[in-house]
Structure formats: structure tokens, C-alpha cells
All heavy atoms as atom14 arrays in JSON, in Angstrom:
{
  "sequence": "LYRDILRSLRQVPDPEHKKYLVDWARHEFKQNKGETDEEVIRMML",
  "atom14_mask": [
    [1, 1, 1, 1, 1, 1, 1, 1, 0, 0, 0, 0, 0, 0],
    [1, 1, 1, 1, 1, 1, 1, 1, 1, 1, 1, 1, 0, 0],
    [1, 1, 1, 1, 1, 1, 1, 1, 1, 1, 1, 0, 0, 0],
    [1, 1, 1, 1, 1, 1, 1, 1, 0, 0, 0, 0, 0, 0],
    [1, 1, 1, 1, 1, 1, 1, 1, 0, 0, 0, 0, 0, 0],
    [1, 1, 1, 1, 1, 1, 1, 1, 0, 0, 0, 0, 0, 0],
    [1, 1, 1, 1, 1, 1, 1, 1, 1, 1, 1, 0, 0, 0],
    [1, 1, 1, 1, 1, 1, 0, 0, 0, 0, 0, 0, 0, 0],
    [1, 1, 1, 1, 1, 1, 1, 1, 0, 0, 0, 0, 0, 0],
    [1, 1, 1, 1, 1, 1, 1, 1, 1, 1, 1, 0, 0, 0],
    [1, 1, 1, 1, 1, 1, 1, 1, 1, 0, 0, 0, 0, 0],
    [1, 1, 1, 1, 1, 1, 1, 0, 0, 0, 0, 0, 0, 0],
    [1, 1, 1, 1, 1, 1, 1, 0, 0, 0, 0, 0, 0, 0],
    [1, 1, 1, 1, 1, 1, 1, 1, 0, 0, 0, 0, 0, 0],
    [1, 1, 1, 1, 1, 1, 1, 0, 0, 0, 0, 0, 0, 0],
    [1, 1, 1, 1, 1, 1, 1, 1, 1, 0, 0, 0, 0, 0],
    [1, 1, 1, 1, 1, 1, 1, 1, 1, 1, 0, 0, 0, 0],
    [1, 1, 1, 1, 1, 1, 1, 1, 1, 0, 0, 0, 0, 0],
    [1, 1, 1, 1, 1, 1, 1, 1, 1, 0, 0, 0, 0, 0],
    [1, 1, 1, 1, 1, 1, 1, 1, 1, 1, 1, 1, 0, 0],
    [1, 1, 1, 1, 1, 1, 1, 1, 0, 0, 0, 0, 0, 0],
    [1, 1, 1, 1, 1, 1, 1, 0, 0, 0, 0, 0, 0, 0],
    [1, 1, 1, 1, 1, 1, 1, 1, 0, 0, 0, 0, 0, 0],
    [1, 1, 1, 1, 1, 1, 1, 1, 1, 1, 1, 1, 1, 1],
    [1, 1, 1, 1, 1, 0, 0, 0, 0, 0, 0, 0, 0, 0],
    [1, 1, 1, 1, 1, 1, 1, 1, 1, 1, 1, 0, 0, 0],
    [1, 1, 1, 1, 1, 1, 1, 1, 1, 1, 0, 0, 0, 0],
    [1, 1, 1, 1, 1, 1, 1, 1, 1, 0, 0, 0, 0, 0],
    [1, 1, 1, 1, 1, 1, 1, 1, 1, 1, 1, 0, 0, 0],
    [1, 1, 1, 1, 1, 1, 1, 1, 1, 0, 0, 0, 0, 0],
    [1, 1, 1, 1, 1, 1, 1, 1, 1, 0, 0, 0, 0, 0],
    [1, 1, 1, 1, 1, 1, 1, 1, 0, 0, 0, 0, 0, 0],
    [1, 1, 1, 1, 1, 1, 1, 1, 1, 0, 0, 0, 0, 0],
    [1, 1, 1, 1, 0, 0, 0, 0, 0, 0, 0, 0, 0, 0],
    [1, 1, 1, 1, 1, 1, 1, 1, 1, 0, 0, 0, 0, 0],
    [1, 1, 1, 1, 1, 1, 1, 0, 0, 0, 0, 0, 0, 0],
    [1, 1, 1, 1, 1, 1, 1, 1, 0, 0, 0, 0, 0, 0],
    [1, 1, 1, 1, 1, 1, 1, 1, 1, 0, 0, 0, 0, 0],
    [1, 1, 1, 1, 1, 1, 1, 1, 1, 0, 0, 0, 0, 0],
    [1, 1, 1, 1, 1, 1, 1, 0, 0, 0, 0, 0, 0, 0],
    [1, 1, 1, 1, 1, 1, 1, 1, 0, 0, 0, 0, 0, 0],
    [1, 1, 1, 1, 1, 1, 1, 1, 1, 1, 1, 0, 0, 0],
    [1, 1, 1, 1, 1, 1, 1, 1, 0, 0, 0, 0, 0, 0],
    [1, 1, 1, 1, 1, 1, 1, 1, 0, 0, 0, 0, 0, 0],
    [1, 1, 1, 1, 1, 1, 1, 1, 0, 0, 0, 0, 0, 0]
  ],
  "atom14_positions": [
    [[95.44, 90.15, 96.4], [96.13, 91.44, 96.33], [95.14, 92.58, 96.64], [95.46, 93.49, 97.4], [96.76, 91.64, 94.95], [97.46, 92.96, 94.71], [98.61, 93.16, 95.69], [97.95, 93.04, 93.27], [0.0, 0.0, 0.0], [0.0, 0.0, 0.0], [0.0, 0.0, 0.0], [0.0, 0.0, 0.0], [0.0, 0.0, 0.0], [0.0, 0.0, 0.0]],
    [[93.95, 92.51, 96.07], [92.92, 93.52, 96.31], [92.58, 93.59, 97.81], [92.53, 94.67, 98.39], [91.68, 93.17, 95.49], [90.54, 94.14, 95.63], [90.64, 95.44, 95.15], [89.34, 93.76, 96.22], [89.59, 96.33, 95.26], [88.29, 94.64, 96.33], [88.42, 95.93, 95.85], [87.37, 96.8, 95.98], [0.0, 0.0, 0.0], [0.0, 0.0, 0.0]],
    [[92.37, 92.43, 98.43], [92.06, 92.41, 99.86], [93.22, 92.98, 100.68], [93.0, 93.75, 101.63], [91.77, 90.98, 100.31], [90.44, 90.47, 99.88], [90.18, 89.1, 100.53], [89.38, 88.3, 99.62], [89.83, 87.27, 98.91], [91.07, 86.86, 99.02], [89.02, 86.63, 98.1], [0.0, 0.0, 0.0], [0.0, 0.0, 0.0], [0.0, 0.0, 0.0]],
    [[94.45, 92.61, 100.34], [95.61, 93.12, 101.06], [95.71, 94.64, 100.95], [96.01, 95.32, 101.94], [96.9, 92.48, 100.53], [97.01, 91.01, 100.87], [96.3, 90.53, 101.78], [97.82, 90.32, 100.21], [0.0, 0.0, 0.0], [0.0, 0.0, 0.0], [0.0, 0.0, 0.0], [0.0, 0.0, 0.0], [0.0, 0.0, 0.0], [0.0, 0.0, 0.0]],
    [[95.46, 95.16, 99.77], [95.52, 96.61, 99.57], [94.46, 97.3, 100.41], [94.74, 98.28, 101.11], [95.37, 96.96, 98.07], [96.63, 96.55, 97.31], [95.1, 98.45, 97.89], [96.5, 96.63, 95.8], [0.0, 0.0, 0.0], [0.0, 0.0, 0.0], [0.0, 0.0, 0.0], [0.0, 0.0, 0.0], [0.0, 0.0, 0.0], [0.0, 0.0, 0.0]],
    [[93.23, 96.78, 100.38], [92.16, 97.4, 101.16], [92.44, 97.32, 102.66], [92.17, 98.28, 103.39], [90.81, 96.77, 100.83], [90.27, 97.05, 99.44], [88.91, 96.4, 99.25], [90.19, 98.54, 99.15], [0.0, 0.0, 0.0], [0.0, 0.0, 0.0], [0.0, 0.0, 0.0], [0.0, 0.0, 0.0], [0.0, 0.0, 0.0], [0.0, 0.0, 0.0]],
    [[93.01, 96.21, 103.11], [93.37, 96.1, 104.54], [94.43, 97.14, 104.91], [94.36, 97.75, 105.96], [93.88, 94.71, 104.85], [92.79, 93.73, 105.12], [93.34, 92.42, 105.67], [92.41, 91.38, 105.31], [92.62, 90.46, 104.37], [93.74, 90.43, 103.7], [91.7, 89.57, 104.1], [0.0, 0.0, 0.0], [0.0, 0.0, 0.0], [0.0, 0.0, 0.0]],
    [[95.4, 97.32, 104.05], [96.46, 98.29, 104.32], [95.91, 99.71, 104.36], [96.37, 100.54, 105.14], [97.55, 98.21, 103.26], [98.24, 97.01, 103.36], [0.0, 0.0, 0.0], [0.0, 0.0, 0.0], [0.0, 0.0, 0.0], [0.0, 0.0, 0.0], [0.0, 0.0, 0.0], [0.0, 0.0, 0.0], [0.0, 0.0, 0.0], [0.0, 0.0, 0.0]],
    [[94.94, 99.98, 103.51], [94.38, 101.34, 103.44], [93.61, 101.71, 104.71], [93.37, 102.89, 104.95], [93.5, 101.49, 102.21], [94.25, 101.46, 100.88], [93.27, 101.53, 99.71], [95.26, 102.59, 100.8], [0.0, 0.0, 0.0], [0.0, 0.0, 0.0], [0.0, 0.0, 0.0], [0.0, 0.0, 0.0], [0.0, 0.0, 0.0], [0.0, 0.0, 0.0]],
    [[93.27, 100.73, 105.52], [92.62, 101.04, 106.81], [93.53, 101.88, 107.7], [93.06, 102.57, 108.59], [92.26, 99.75, 107.55], [91.17, 98.96, 106.91], [90.92, 97.71, 107.71], [90.06, 96.79, 107.0], [89.94, 95.51, 107.29], [90.65, 94.98, 108.28], [89.14, 94.75, 106.59], [0.0, 0.0, 0.0], [0.0, 0.0, 0.0], [0.0, 0.0, 0.0]],
    [[94.84, 101.8, 107.46], [95.81, 102.51, 108.28], [95.97, 103.98, 107.9], [96.63, 104.72, 108.62], [97.18, 101.84, 108.18], [97.19, 100.4, 108.62], [98.51, 99.74, 108.3], [99.53, 100.4, 108.19], [98.5, 98.43, 108.15], [0.0, 0.0, 0.0], [0.0, 0.0, 0.0], [0.0, 0.0, 0.0], [0.0, 0.0, 0.0], [0.0, 0.0, 0.0]],
    [[95.38, 104.39, 106.78], [95.5, 105.78, 106.35], [94.72, 106.64, 107.33], [93.52, 106.45, 107.52], [94.96, 105.97, 104.91], [94.99, 107.43, 104.51], [95.77, 105.14, 103.93], [0.0, 0.0, 0.0], [0.0, 0.0, 0.0], [0.0, 0.0, 0.0], [0.0, 0.0, 0.0], [0.0, 0.0, 0.0], [0.0, 0.0, 0.0], [0.0, 0.0, 0.0]],
    [[95.38, 107.61, 107.98], [94.72, 108.38, 109.04], [93.67, 109.37, 108.53], [92.64, 109.56, 109.17], [95.86, 109.11, 109.74], [97.02, 109.06, 108.8], [96.8, 107.91, 107.87], [0.0, 0.0, 0.0], [0.0, 0.0, 0.0], [0.0, 0.0, 0.0], [0.0, 0.0, 0.0], [0.0, 0.0, 0.0], [0.0, 0.0, 0.0], [0.0, 0.0, 0.0]],
    [[93.91, 109.99, 107.4], [93.0, 111.01, 106.89], [91.85, 110.35, 106.13], [92.08, 109.68, 105.12], [93.76, 111.97, 105.98], [92.89, 113.09, 105.43], [91.79, 113.32, 105.97], [93.32, 113.73, 104.45], [0.0, 0.0, 0.0], [0.0, 0.0, 0.0], [0.0, 0.0, 0.0], [0.0, 0.0, 0.0], [0.0, 0.0, 0.0], [0.0, 0.0, 0.0]],
    [[90.6, 110.57, 106.57], [89.45, 109.94, 105.89], [89.33, 110.3, 104.41], [88.93, 109.46, 103.6], [88.24, 110.45, 106.67], [88.76, 110.95, 107.96], [90.19, 111.34, 107.73], [0.0, 0.0, 0.0], [0.0, 0.0, 0.0], [0.0, 0.0, 0.0], [0.0, 0.0, 0.0], [0.0, 0.0, 0.0], [0.0, 0.0, 0.0], [0.0, 0.0, 0.0]],
    [[89.65, 111.53, 104.06], [89.55, 111.93, 102.65], [90.56, 111.18, 101.78], [90.23, 110.72, 100.69], [89.75, 113.43, 102.5], [88.56, 114.25, 102.95], [88.74, 115.73, 102.68], [89.33, 116.07, 101.63], [88.29, 116.52, 103.51], [0.0, 0.0, 0.0], [0.0, 0.0, 0.0], [0.0, 0.0, 0.0], [0.0, 0.0, 0.0], [0.0, 0.0, 0.0]],
    [[91.8, 111.09, 102.27], [92.82, 110.35, 101.54], [92.47, 108.87, 101.46], [92.67, 108.22, 100.43], [94.2, 110.52, 102.18], [94.79, 111.86, 101.92], [95.1, 112.72, 102.93], [95.13, 112.49, 100.76], [95.6, 113.83, 102.41], [95.62, 113.71, 101.09], [0.0, 0.0, 0.0], [0.0, 0.0, 0.0], [0.0, 0.0, 0.0], [0.0, 0.0, 0.0]],
    [[91.96, 108.34, 102.57], [91.57, 106.93, 102.59], [90.49, 106.65, 101.54], [90.6, 105.7, 100.78], [91.05, 106.54, 103.97], [90.73, 105.07, 104.11], [90.08, 104.73, 105.44], [90.94, 105.09, 106.6], [90.4, 104.66, 107.89], [0.0, 0.0, 0.0], [0.0, 0.0, 0.0], [0.0, 0.0, 0.0], [0.0, 0.0, 0.0], [0.0, 0.0, 0.0]],
    [[89.47, 107.5, 101.49], [88.4, 107.31, 100.5], [88.94, 107.41, 99.08], [88.6, 106.59, 98.22], [87.29, 108.33, 100.7], [86.14, 108.15, 99.72], [85.06, 109.17, 99.9], [83.91, 109.06, 98.93], [84.04, 108.24, 97.76], [0.0, 0.0, 0.0], [0.0, 0.0, 0.0], [0.0, 0.0, 0.0], [0.0, 0.0, 0.0], [0.0, 0.0, 0.0]],
    [[89.82, 108.38, 98.84], [90.4, 108.54, 97.51], [91.18, 107.29, 97.11], [91.04, 106.79, 95.99], [91.32, 109.76, 97.47], [92.11, 109.85, 96.2], [91.54, 110.31, 95.03], [93.44, 109.42, 96.16], [92.26, 110.37, 93.84], [94.18, 109.47, 94.99], [93.57, 109.95, 93.83], [94.29, 109.99, 92.67], [0.0, 0.0, 0.0], [0.0, 0.0, 0.0]],
    [[91.98, 106.75, 98.03], [92.8, 105.58, 97.72], [91.96, 104.32, 97.53], [92.24, 103.51, 96.64], [93.85, 105.38, 98.81], [94.94, 106.44, 98.86], [95.77, 106.32, 100.12], [95.82, 106.36, 97.62], [0.0, 0.0, 0.0], [0.0, 0.0, 0.0], [0.0, 0.0, 0.0], [0.0, 0.0, 0.0], [0.0, 0.0, 0.0], [0.0, 0.0, 0.0]],
    [[90.93, 104.16, 98.34], [90.04, 103.01, 98.18], [89.32, 103.08, 96.83], [89.22, 102.09, 96.1], [89.03, 102.93, 99.35], [87.92, 101.93, 99.05], [89.74, 102.55, 100.64], [0.0, 0.0, 0.0], [0.0, 0.0, 0.0], [0.0, 0.0, 0.0], [0.0, 0.0, 0.0], [0.0, 0.0, 0.0], [0.0, 0.0, 0.0], [0.0, 0.0, 0.0]],
    [[88.82, 104.28, 96.49], [88.16, 104.45, 95.19], [89.12, 104.18, 94.04], [88.75, 103.56, 93.04], [87.59, 105.87, 95.07], [86.38, 106.09, 95.96], [85.81, 105.1, 96.48], [86.01, 107.27, 96.16], [0.0, 0.0, 0.0], [0.0, 0.0, 0.0], [0.0, 0.0, 0.0], [0.0, 0.0, 0.0], [0.0, 0.0, 0.0], [0.0, 0.0, 0.0]],
    [[90.37, 104.63, 94.18], [91.38, 104.39, 93.16], [91.62, 102.88, 92.98], [91.66, 102.37, 91.86], [92.68, 105.1, 93.53], [93.83, 104.69, 92.68], [94.12, 105.13, 91.42], [94.84, 103.74, 93.03], [95.26, 104.5, 90.96], [95.72, 103.65, 91.93], [95.1, 102.97, 94.15], [96.82, 102.81, 91.93], [96.19, 102.13, 94.15], [97.04, 102.05, 93.04]],
    [[91.79, 102.17, 94.1], [92.04, 100.72, 94.03], [90.86, 100.01, 93.38], [91.04, 99.16, 92.5], [92.3, 100.17, 95.43], [0.0, 0.0, 0.0], [0.0, 0.0, 0.0], [0.0, 0.0, 0.0], [0.0, 0.0, 0.0], [0.0, 0.0, 0.0], [0.0, 0.0, 0.0], [0.0, 0.0, 0.0], [0.0, 0.0, 0.0], [0.0, 0.0, 0.0]],
    [[89.65, 100.35, 93.8], [88.46, 99.73, 93.21], [88.4, 99.98, 91.7], [88.12, 99.06, 90.92], [87.19, 100.28, 93.85], [86.89, 99.67, 95.17], [85.51, 100.08, 95.65], [85.31, 99.51, 96.97], [84.85, 100.17, 98.01], [84.5, 101.44, 97.88], [84.71, 99.58, 99.16], [0.0, 0.0, 0.0], [0.0, 0.0, 0.0], [0.0, 0.0, 0.0]],
    [[88.65, 101.22, 91.32], [88.6, 101.57, 89.9], [89.62, 100.76, 89.1], [89.31, 100.24, 88.03], [88.84, 103.07, 89.72], [88.96, 103.48, 88.29], [87.88, 103.55, 87.45], [90.05, 103.81, 87.55], [88.3, 103.92, 86.25], [89.62, 104.09, 86.28], [0.0, 0.0, 0.0], [0.0, 0.0, 0.0], [0.0, 0.0, 0.0], [0.0, 0.0, 0.0]],
    [[90.85, 100.67, 89.61], [91.91, 99.93, 88.9], [91.54, 98.46, 88.72], [91.72, 97.9, 87.64], [93.23, 100.05, 89.64], [93.88, 101.41, 89.54], [94.3, 101.75, 88.12], [94.88, 100.89, 87.44], [94.04, 102.89, 87.7], [0.0, 0.0, 0.0], [0.0, 0.0, 0.0], [0.0, 0.0, 0.0], [0.0, 0.0, 0.0], [0.0, 0.0, 0.0]],
    [[91.02, 97.85, 89.77], [90.68, 96.43, 89.67], [89.45, 96.22, 88.78], [89.43, 95.28, 87.99], [90.47, 95.82, 91.06], [91.76, 95.42, 91.72], [92.52, 96.34, 92.41], [92.23, 94.12, 91.61], [93.72, 95.98, 93.0], [93.42, 93.74, 92.19], [94.17, 94.67, 92.89], [0.0, 0.0, 0.0], [0.0, 0.0, 0.0], [0.0, 0.0, 0.0]],
    [[88.45, 97.08, 88.9], [87.27, 96.94, 88.05], [87.6, 97.18, 86.58], [87.07, 96.51, 85.7], [86.17, 97.92, 88.5], [85.39, 97.44, 89.69], [84.27, 98.41, 90.0], [83.5, 97.95, 91.22], [82.38, 98.85, 91.53], [0.0, 0.0, 0.0], [0.0, 0.0, 0.0], [0.0, 0.0, 0.0], [0.0, 0.0, 0.0], [0.0, 0.0, 0.0]],
    [[88.47, 98.13, 86.34], [88.85, 98.47, 84.97], [89.5, 97.28, 84.26], [89.33, 97.09, 83.06], [89.81, 99.66, 84.99], [90.29, 100.11, 83.64], [91.24, 101.3, 83.76], [91.44, 101.85, 84.84], [91.83, 101.69, 82.66], [0.0, 0.0, 0.0], [0.0, 0.0, 0.0], [0.0, 0.0, 0.0], [0.0, 0.0, 0.0], [0.0, 0.0, 0.0]],
    [[90.22, 96.47, 85.01], [90.95, 95.36, 84.42], [90.31, 94.0, 84.68], [90.9, 92.96, 84.4], [92.39, 95.36, 84.96], [93.13, 96.6, 84.54], [93.23, 96.89, 83.35], [93.6, 97.37, 85.5], [0.0, 0.0, 0.0], [0.0, 0.0, 0.0], [0.0, 0.0, 0.0], [0.0, 0.0, 0.0], [0.0, 0.0, 0.0], [0.0, 0.0, 0.0]],
    [[89.09, 94.0, 85.18], [88.4, 92.77, 85.54], [88.22, 91.82, 84.36], [88.31, 90.61, 84.51], [87.03, 93.12, 86.13], [86.24, 91.94, 86.59], [84.91, 92.38, 87.16], [84.11, 91.18, 87.61], [82.82, 91.57, 88.17], [0.0, 0.0, 0.0], [0.0, 0.0, 0.0], [0.0, 0.0, 0.0], [0.0, 0.0, 0.0], [0.0, 0.0, 0.0]],
    [[87.99, 92.35, 83.19], [87.71, 91.51, 82.04], [88.92, 91.01, 81.28], [88.78, 90.32, 80.26], [0.0, 0.0, 0.0], [0.0, 0.0, 0.0], [0.0, 0.0, 0.0], [0.0, 0.0, 0.0], [0.0, 0.0, 0.0], [0.0, 0.0, 0.0], [0.0, 0.0, 0.0], [0.0, 0.0, 0.0], [0.0, 0.0, 0.0], [0.0, 0.0, 0.0]],
    [[90.11, 91.32, 81.74], [91.32, 90.89, 81.03], [91.42, 89.37, 81.04], [91.22, 88.73, 82.06], [92.56, 91.5, 81.7], [93.85, 91.21, 80.99], [93.86, 91.73, 79.56], [93.67, 92.94, 79.36], [94.06, 90.91, 78.66], [0.0, 0.0, 0.0], [0.0, 0.0, 0.0], [0.0, 0.0, 0.0], [0.0, 0.0, 0.0], [0.0, 0.0, 0.0]],
    [[91.74, 88.78, 79.89], [91.84, 87.32, 79.79], [93.23, 86.83, 79.4], [93.52, 85.65, 79.57], [90.83, 86.8, 78.75], [91.09, 87.43, 77.5], [89.4, 87.06, 79.18], [0.0, 0.0, 0.0], [0.0, 0.0, 0.0], [0.0, 0.0, 0.0], [0.0, 0.0, 0.0], [0.0, 0.0, 0.0], [0.0, 0.0, 0.0], [0.0, 0.0, 0.0]],
    [[94.09, 87.7, 78.92], [95.43, 87.31, 78.51], [96.28, 87.05, 79.76], [96.5, 87.95, 80.58], [96.06, 88.41, 77.65], [97.41, 88.03, 77.1], [98.02, 87.05, 77.57], [97.87, 88.73, 76.18], [0.0, 0.0, 0.0], [0.0, 0.0, 0.0], [0.0, 0.0, 0.0], [0.0, 0.0, 0.0], [0.0, 0.0, 0.0], [0.0, 0.0, 0.0]],
    [[96.75, 85.82, 79.89], [97.49, 85.43, 81.11], [98.74, 86.27, 81.32], [99.06, 86.63, 82.46], [97.86, 83.95, 81.04], [96.67, 83.03, 81.17], [97.07, 81.57, 81.04], [98.23, 81.23, 81.34], [96.21, 80.78, 80.62], [0.0, 0.0, 0.0], [0.0, 0.0, 0.0], [0.0, 0.0, 0.0], [0.0, 0.0, 0.0], [0.0, 0.0, 0.0]],
    [[99.47, 86.55, 80.27], [100.69, 87.35, 80.4], [100.37, 88.76, 80.89], [101.08, 89.32, 81.74], [101.45, 87.4, 79.08], [102.15, 86.11, 78.73], [103.16, 85.69, 79.79], [103.95, 86.54, 80.24], [103.15, 84.51, 80.17], [0.0, 0.0, 0.0], [0.0, 0.0, 0.0], [0.0, 0.0, 0.0], [0.0, 0.0, 0.0], [0.0, 0.0, 0.0]],
    [[99.33, 89.35, 80.37], [98.94, 90.69, 80.79], [98.5, 90.67, 82.25], [98.86, 91.55, 83.03], [97.8, 91.24, 79.88], [97.27, 92.56, 80.41], [98.3, 91.4, 78.45], [0.0, 0.0, 0.0], [0.0, 0.0, 0.0], [0.0, 0.0, 0.0], [0.0, 0.0, 0.0], [0.0, 0.0, 0.0], [0.0, 0.0, 0.0], [0.0, 0.0, 0.0]],
    [[97.76, 89.64, 82.64], [97.32, 89.52, 84.03], [98.52, 89.39, 84.95], [98.6, 90.04, 86.0], [96.36, 88.33, 84.2], [95.08, 88.58, 83.4], [96.03, 88.11, 85.67], [94.16, 87.37, 83.31], [0.0, 0.0, 0.0], [0.0, 0.0, 0.0], [0.0, 0.0, 0.0], [0.0, 0.0, 0.0], [0.0, 0.0, 0.0], [0.0, 0.0, 0.0]],
    [[99.49, 88.56, 84.57], [100.7, 88.4, 85.39], [101.46, 89.73, 85.53], [101.95, 90.06, 86.6], [101.61, 87.34, 84.78], [101.16, 85.95, 85.06], [102.24, 84.93, 84.66], [101.68, 83.62, 84.65], [101.25, 82.98, 83.57], [101.37, 83.55, 82.38], [100.73, 81.78, 83.64], [0.0, 0.0, 0.0], [0.0, 0.0, 0.0], [0.0, 0.0, 0.0]],
    [[101.54, 90.46, 84.42], [102.22, 91.75, 84.46], [101.49, 92.71, 85.4], [102.11, 93.41, 86.21], [102.3, 92.35, 83.06], [103.04, 93.67, 83.02], [102.61, 94.73, 81.62], [100.88, 94.97, 81.85], [0.0, 0.0, 0.0], [0.0, 0.0, 0.0], [0.0, 0.0, 0.0], [0.0, 0.0, 0.0], [0.0, 0.0, 0.0], [0.0, 0.0, 0.0]],
    [[100.16, 92.75, 85.31], [99.4, 93.64, 86.17], [99.53, 93.23, 87.64], [99.63, 94.09, 88.52], [97.93, 93.66, 85.75], [97.69, 94.41, 84.45], [95.96, 94.66, 84.05], [95.41, 93.01, 83.72], [0.0, 0.0, 0.0], [0.0, 0.0, 0.0], [0.0, 0.0, 0.0], [0.0, 0.0, 0.0], [0.0, 0.0, 0.0], [0.0, 0.0, 0.0]],
    [[99.55, 91.93, 87.91], [99.74, 91.47, 89.29], [101.11, 91.87, 89.81], [101.25, 92.31, 90.95], [99.58, 89.95, 89.37], [98.15, 89.42, 89.38], [98.15, 87.91, 89.22], [97.44, 89.83, 90.65], [0.0, 0.0, 0.0], [0.0, 0.0, 0.0], [0.0, 0.0, 0.0], [0.0, 0.0, 0.0], [0.0, 0.0, 0.0], [0.0, 0.0, 0.0]]
  ]
}
């Protein structure tokens, strides 16, 4: 999912918006990296 999102963000024409969205995606995934509860992970996915 992370790879798919980053690939899609390549299509964003404005470099500033692209950087903001890539940073947002990275932050969201890093923030939840340590989650171990399977149900919570499924919900986030």
C-alpha cells in the first residue's frame, strides 16, 4: 500500500503539493509502524 501510494503521488503536478503528500504518507506509516494488534492493523489497512 505504501509503495502504491508513493507511485501514485508521482503524478501530482505541483512539486510543493507532491512533497507535502509524500511527507504526510511517510509520517502516517512511520507513526503506526510499531502497531502489533492484528485487528488495528487490518482497520488501518
